[in-house]
């Protein structure tokens, strides 16, 4: 029986698809560690992002009540279903993770909290992270393997050059912990980057009780639109339907945030305060 991703793919005449960012984890020790990090309990449902060849899927299935294995590549779907047919608690779903309704995975108990495990494709890691945060009410923990550079950005603190939109939005809604780095030699084909495993926990409440979460995200994105510009300039010239430049300037004053600062110096809490001040201005 073929045991490594390289052997499986060669036997079936399949080449990894660069377009999908395919790089398969082939170190079983690392796979076991990732599953252990998730601390899966017997009654829990786990959603695996990018199940690939099922290296981790089978390990997860021995611990969880139910596993939903998401995979977008039809070639992988066939292999997954063949390799996992011995598990009656695994659902292989051919889908784009950016379109998957994570709430549907909670059925039949809508109050259930999911755990998410995944080797996240590097080229769409931020969109995937933001989608998971969108569904955070249905998620307890995520254990994600990401490009180290992306993980650094997610965990960056204000004032650092890698501090940006993912840092602020993640900090508002989640806690993060770097568990370990994974060298390129643990994958096939070997990527040109080092990976990091993050454990991301969903906060019971955001750092700030946001009056408008969508507005918060827009303000964060607009503030970082031109990193070298002052916050005041970015917001004053921003196109934000329903909000006048005057209300933006007034909100900065009311929040006590100096508009001469750059976005990279503001904490998630300050962005939340600024958002609520914008809302207060519009309601007045």
Foldseek 3Di string as FASTA:
>chain_A
DDQFPVVVCVVVVHDDDVVQLDKAQGDLVVLLVLLVVLVAAAAAEEEEEACQQVSNVVVNLVHYQAYEYEHQDPVNLVNNCVVCVVRPRYHYDHDDLLPDDVQVSCPPPSQAAYEYEYADRAVCVLSNVVVCLVVQSRHFKYKYKYFVLVVCLCCPDFPDPSDALNVLVLLQFKDKDWDDKAAQVSIVPRDPTIITIMMIGTDPHTPDNAPDPVLLSVLRCQLCVPQVAFSLVSQLPDDDPPAHSVLLVVLCVVLVHDSRHGSSRDHSVSSRSSNVSSVVSSVD
